[in-house]
Protein backbone atom coordinates (compact mmCIF):
# COMPACT_ATOMS: atom_id res chain seq x y z
CA ASN A 1 -63.62 2.58 25.70
CA PRO A 2 -65.20 2.20 22.83
CA ALA A 3 -63.11 4.69 19.94
CA GLY A 4 -65.12 7.69 19.72
CA ALA A 5 -66.19 7.84 23.15
CA GLY A 6 -65.35 11.52 23.59
CA ALA A 7 -66.84 14.46 23.05
CA ARG A 8 -69.61 14.06 19.33
CA THR A 9 -70.36 16.23 16.83
CA VAL A 10 -72.01 13.23 14.97
CA LYS A 11 -75.22 11.46 15.70
CA PRO A 12 -75.70 8.31 14.12
CA PRO A 13 -78.56 7.17 11.53
CA PRO A 14 -81.48 5.67 12.84
CA VAL A 15 -81.34 1.91 12.93
CA VAL A 16 -84.05 -0.29 12.19
CA ILE A 17 -84.53 -3.92 12.44
CA TYR A 18 -87.32 -5.93 10.60
CA THR A 19 -87.99 -9.05 12.04
CA HIS A 20 -90.64 -11.86 12.59
CA GLU A 21 -92.78 -12.86 15.13
CA ASP A 22 -91.69 -15.37 15.85
CA ARG A 23 -88.46 -14.99 16.11
CA THR A 24 -89.03 -12.44 19.83
CA ARG A 25 -85.93 -14.18 21.20
CA GLN A 26 -83.65 -13.44 19.14
CA LEU A 27 -84.92 -10.33 18.63
CA ALA A 28 -84.60 -9.74 22.53
CA ALA A 29 -81.01 -10.57 21.99
CA THR A 30 -79.99 -8.68 19.10
CA ILE A 31 -81.30 -5.51 20.63
CA ARG A 32 -79.45 -6.19 23.79
CA ASN A 33 -76.35 -6.51 21.98
CA TRP A 34 -76.48 -3.62 19.85
CA ASN A 35 -77.48 -1.61 23.56
CA ALA A 36 -74.28 -2.70 24.65
CA ALA A 37 -72.05 -1.27 21.18
CA ASN A 38 -74.02 1.75 22.80
CA ILE A 39 -76.37 2.09 19.61
CA GLN A 40 -79.84 2.23 20.30
CA ILE A 41 -82.74 0.33 18.52
CA THR A 42 -84.45 3.78 16.60
CA HIS A 43 -87.91 1.06 15.63
CA VAL A 44 -88.76 -2.77 14.78
CA GLU A 45 -91.15 -4.21 11.84
CA HIS A 46 -92.64 -6.94 12.94
CA GLN A 47 -94.19 -9.38 10.41
CA THR A 48 -96.99 -11.22 11.57
CA ASP A 49 -98.01 -13.21 8.47
CA THR A 50 -96.78 -16.83 6.82
CA PRO A 51 -92.67 -16.20 6.09
CA SER A 52 -91.62 -15.90 2.82
CA PRO A 53 -88.58 -14.44 1.28
CA ALA A 54 -91.46 -11.34 -0.67
CA ARG A 55 -92.63 -11.26 2.87
CA ASN A 56 -89.64 -10.28 4.11
CA ARG A 57 -88.87 -7.93 1.54
CA ARG A 58 -92.11 -5.76 2.02
CA ASN A 59 -91.45 -6.34 5.33
CA ALA A 60 -87.83 -4.44 4.95
CA LEU A 61 -89.36 -2.60 2.94
CA ALA A 62 -92.28 -1.45 5.53
CA ALA A 63 -88.84 -0.63 8.49
CA MET A 64 -87.63 1.02 5.78
CA ARG A 65 -90.20 3.42 5.27
CA HIS A 66 -91.14 3.93 8.83
CA ALA A 67 -87.74 5.42 9.24
CA MET A 68 -88.34 7.53 6.35
CA LYS A 69 -91.86 9.75 7.08
CA HIS A 70 -90.39 9.73 11.37
CA HIS A 71 -87.03 9.69 11.64
CA HIS A 72 -85.14 10.91 8.67
CA ARG A 73 -82.00 12.81 10.01
CA GLY A 74 -78.97 12.18 8.97
CA ASN A 75 -77.53 11.01 5.18
CA GLY A 76 -78.85 8.05 5.71
CA LEU A 77 -80.61 4.45 8.07
CA LEU A 78 -78.91 1.34 9.38
CA MET A 79 -81.46 -2.08 8.70
CA ILE A 80 -80.37 -4.48 10.05
CA GLU A 81 -81.85 -8.43 10.62
CA ASP A 82 -83.05 -9.56 14.30
CA ASP A 83 -80.10 -11.62 14.49
CA THR A 84 -76.96 -9.66 14.39
CA THR A 85 -73.72 -9.00 17.24
CA PRO A 86 -72.37 -5.61 16.14
CA ASN A 87 -68.26 -4.61 16.88
CA ARG A 88 -68.31 -3.05 20.12
CA HIS A 89 -66.92 0.36 18.13
CA MET A 90 -70.24 0.53 16.10
CA ARG A 91 -70.92 4.48 17.31
CA ALA A 92 -67.82 5.72 16.05
CA TRP A 93 -67.88 3.21 12.74
CA LEU A 94 -71.84 4.58 11.60
CA GLU A 95 -70.92 8.32 12.93
CA HIS A 96 -67.83 7.59 10.59
CA ILE A 97 -69.75 6.74 7.69
CA GLU A 98 -72.45 9.27 8.55
CA THR A 99 -69.96 11.78 7.35
CA GLN A 100 -68.00 10.52 4.42
CA ASN A 101 -70.94 11.18 1.45
CA TYR A 102 -71.20 7.48 0.61
CA PRO A 103 -72.98 7.32 -2.60
CA GLY A 104 -73.86 4.02 -2.16
CA PRO A 105 -74.62 1.57 0.11
CA VAL A 106 -72.24 0.26 3.19
CA THR A 107 -72.37 -2.63 4.57
CA LEU A 108 -71.10 -3.49 8.02
CA TYR A 109 -71.34 -7.40 7.30
CA THR A 110 -69.22 -9.23 5.15
CA PRO A 111 -69.32 -12.83 4.76
CA ASN A 112 -66.69 -14.97 3.23
CA GLN A 113 -68.12 -14.64 -0.59
CA THR A 114 -67.18 -11.25 -0.31
CA THR A 115 -63.16 -11.77 -0.61
CA ARG A 116 -63.79 -11.50 -4.55
CA TYR A 117 -64.98 -8.12 -3.69
CA ALA A 118 -62.35 -6.48 -2.37
CA PRO A 119 -58.24 -5.14 -3.67
CA ASP A 120 -55.44 -7.35 -2.70
CA HIS A 121 -54.37 -5.44 0.15
CA LEU A 122 -57.51 -6.13 2.16
CA LYS A 123 -58.02 -10.12 0.57
CA GLY A 124 -56.44 -11.47 3.94
CA ILE A 125 -58.63 -9.62 5.90
CA MET A 126 -61.74 -10.11 4.42
CA SER A 127 -61.22 -14.33 4.00
CA GLY A 128 -60.54 -13.99 8.06
CA TYR A 129 -56.66 -14.93 8.25
CA ASP A 130 -54.85 -11.80 8.49
CA LYS A 131 -56.18 -9.10 11.34
CA THR A 132 -55.54 -5.51 11.75
CA THR A 133 -56.64 -3.19 14.26
CA THR A 134 -58.26 -0.37 12.39
CA GLY A 135 -60.20 -0.99 9.50
CA GLU A 136 -60.87 -0.08 6.18
CA ILE A 137 -64.31 0.76 3.84
CA PHE A 138 -63.91 -0.24 0.45
CA GLN A 139 -65.86 -0.02 -3.00
CA ALA A 140 -66.43 -3.12 -4.30
CA ASN A 141 -65.24 -4.03 -7.65
CA THR A 142 -68.95 -4.32 -8.46
CA PRO A 143 -72.11 -5.72 -6.92
CA ARG A 144 -73.46 -8.48 -8.69
CA GLY A 145 -73.41 -11.24 -7.32
CA TRP A 146 -73.50 -10.18 -3.86
CA TRP A 147 -76.36 -11.25 -1.18
CA GLY A 148 -76.53 -10.79 2.92
CA ALA A 149 -78.17 -7.56 3.63
CA GLN A 150 -77.85 -8.56 7.85
CA ALA A 151 -76.78 -4.64 8.21
CA VAL A 152 -76.54 -2.39 5.80
CA TRP A 153 -76.42 1.22 6.05
CA ILE A 154 -78.47 2.71 3.34
CA PRO A 155 -78.25 6.54 1.61
CA TRP A 156 -81.29 8.53 2.05
CA SER A 157 -81.26 9.36 -1.78
CA ILE A 158 -81.42 5.33 -2.57
CA CYS A 159 -84.02 4.96 0.00
CA ASN A 160 -85.94 6.84 -1.93
CA ILE A 161 -85.75 5.04 -4.82
CA ILE A 162 -86.95 1.70 -3.11
CA ALA A 163 -89.66 3.41 -1.64
CA ALA A 164 -91.15 4.14 -4.56
CA ASP A 165 -90.75 0.66 -7.17
CA ALA A 166 -93.75 -0.90 -6.94
CA ARG A 167 -91.31 -4.36 -7.51
CA TYR A 168 -90.97 -4.19 -3.82
CA THR A 169 -94.62 -4.35 -2.26
CA THR A 170 -96.19 -7.48 -4.25
CA GLU A 171 -96.70 -10.82 -3.35
CA GLU A 172 -94.46 -12.32 -5.73
CA LEU A 173 -91.11 -13.25 -5.67
CA GLY A 174 -90.21 -11.60 -8.71
CA ILE A 175 -87.57 -8.15 -7.59
CA GLY A 176 -85.86 -10.73 -5.57
CA PRO A 177 -85.56 -10.78 -1.66
CA TRP A 178 -84.40 -8.37 0.62
CA ASP A 179 -80.74 -8.40 -0.36
CA THR A 180 -80.90 -9.50 -3.66
CA ALA A 181 -83.51 -6.41 -5.17
CA LEU A 182 -81.51 -3.76 -3.55
CA ARG A 183 -78.62 -5.62 -5.83
CA THR A 184 -80.77 -5.11 -8.25
CA ILE A 185 -81.56 -1.56 -7.70
CA LEU A 186 -77.94 -0.61 -7.42
CA ILE A 187 -77.32 -2.15 -10.43
CA GLU A 188 -79.84 -0.87 -12.38
CA HIS A 189 -79.14 2.96 -11.35
CA ASP A 190 -75.03 2.04 -11.75
CA LEU A 191 -74.83 2.68 -7.96
CA PRO A 192 -72.09 1.80 -6.06
CA LEU A 193 -72.01 -0.29 -2.83
CA PHE A 194 -68.91 -0.71 -0.46
CA MET A 195 -67.55 -3.24 2.21
CA THR A 196 -65.86 -2.29 5.26
CA ALA A 197 -62.67 -4.58 5.95
CA PRO A 198 -62.60 -6.79 7.68
CA SER A 199 -66.95 -7.22 9.00
CA ILE A 200 -68.51 -5.07 12.05
CA VAL A 201 -71.55 -7.33 12.63
CA GLN A 202 -71.43 -11.10 12.80
CA HIS A 203 -74.58 -13.40 11.85
CA ALA A 204 -75.98 -15.97 14.12
CA ALA A 205 -76.35 -19.40 12.60
CA GLY A 206 -79.65 -20.87 13.91
CA ALA A 207 -82.61 -21.71 11.61
CA ASN A 208 -83.80 -19.56 8.98
CA LEU A 209 -87.66 -19.20 8.79
CA VAL A 210 -87.84 -17.79 5.44
CA ALA A 211 -85.74 -20.36 3.87
CA PRO A 212 -85.37 -23.12 6.06
CA HIS A 213 -83.45 -25.19 3.16
CA ARG A 214 -80.76 -22.61 3.33
CA GLN A 215 -77.57 -22.77 5.32
CA ARG A 216 -76.62 -19.82 7.04
CA HIS A 217 -74.04 -18.41 7.04
CA ALA A 218 -71.68 -15.87 8.75
CA SER A 219 -68.43 -14.27 8.48
CA ALA A 220 -64.44 -15.30 8.97
CA SER A 221 -63.62 -11.50 9.49
CA TYR A 222 -65.77 -10.62 11.98
CA ASP A 223 -63.89 -8.21 14.96
CA TRP A 224 -65.18 -7.31 17.92
CA ASN A 225 -62.79 -4.63 18.32
CA VAL A 226 -61.66 -3.07 15.49
CA THR A 227 -61.59 0.91 15.06
CA PRO A 228 -62.86 2.56 12.09
CA PRO A 229 -60.80 4.61 9.59
CA THR A 230 -59.20 7.30 10.58
CA ARG A 231 -58.82 8.80 7.27
CA PRO A 232 -61.18 10.36 4.90
CA ARG A 233 -63.09 8.16 2.24
CA ARG A 234 -61.06 8.24 -0.42
CA GLN A 235 -62.07 10.29 -3.81
CA PRO A 236 -64.62 9.25 -6.29
CA ALA A 237 -61.20 8.46 -8.91
CA GLU A 238 -59.00 6.64 -6.13
CA GLU A 239 -62.40 4.29 -5.74
CA LYS A 240 -62.56 3.55 -9.57
CA GLU A 241 -59.34 2.98 -9.72
CA GLN A 242 -59.25 0.85 -6.73
CA CYS A 243 -61.99 -0.85 -7.58
CA HIS A 244 -60.84 -1.41 -11.27
CA LYS A 245 -58.02 -2.81 -10.04
CA ALA A 246 -59.78 -5.85 -8.13
CA SER A 247 -61.78 -6.43 -11.06
CA LEU A 248 -59.06 -7.78 -12.48
CA ASP A 249 -57.97 -10.37 -10.25
């Protein structure tokens, strides 16, 4: 049975997908994948115009705003892309995240490049060389350079900042694609970014509508069966020390 399958007192956050009308096959598979992990999709936002990084960002913003207006519960929401597969214990992971008061986004998808953000004891897990039965969530030593927002839990407080930022609604690339724009917000407001170790979401390496020339990526550390942490989140002082040590590597 999936972890946390017993009595529950915490509901998982709303889960929204942003997609394009040409990706019905990928969307259907993703919804099946998440349903199989006992996660119901709260809302799907469909983009109908010609794909571009700026329009993808605006579509993601529309999905976020819909959740803020119609599904505001708990401490945040999970935003996922339409070509993802979750860990089988995803419900327990999300329940854990909801109870730990993370002050910044938690990315559940950690591609290979995120190894450099991890403390020493997690680098083997993040690179896919080492395995563990119980995962961790750590604070990245910096959000600078991060990309890969295939599945990110975002606190409502940061959703409010994003929804009020006019740069997200422009047709120009400006603040960048969805992941770059989120990274910019974190840097400008001095907010932390958290990551799971290992990756608990996998990204399908199919065709990219937004940037067909760009190579698709997946995570070498993805683990279908790893369970969430059993201990509470590190206190801010501990996170700062862990983050400082990782930044020295």
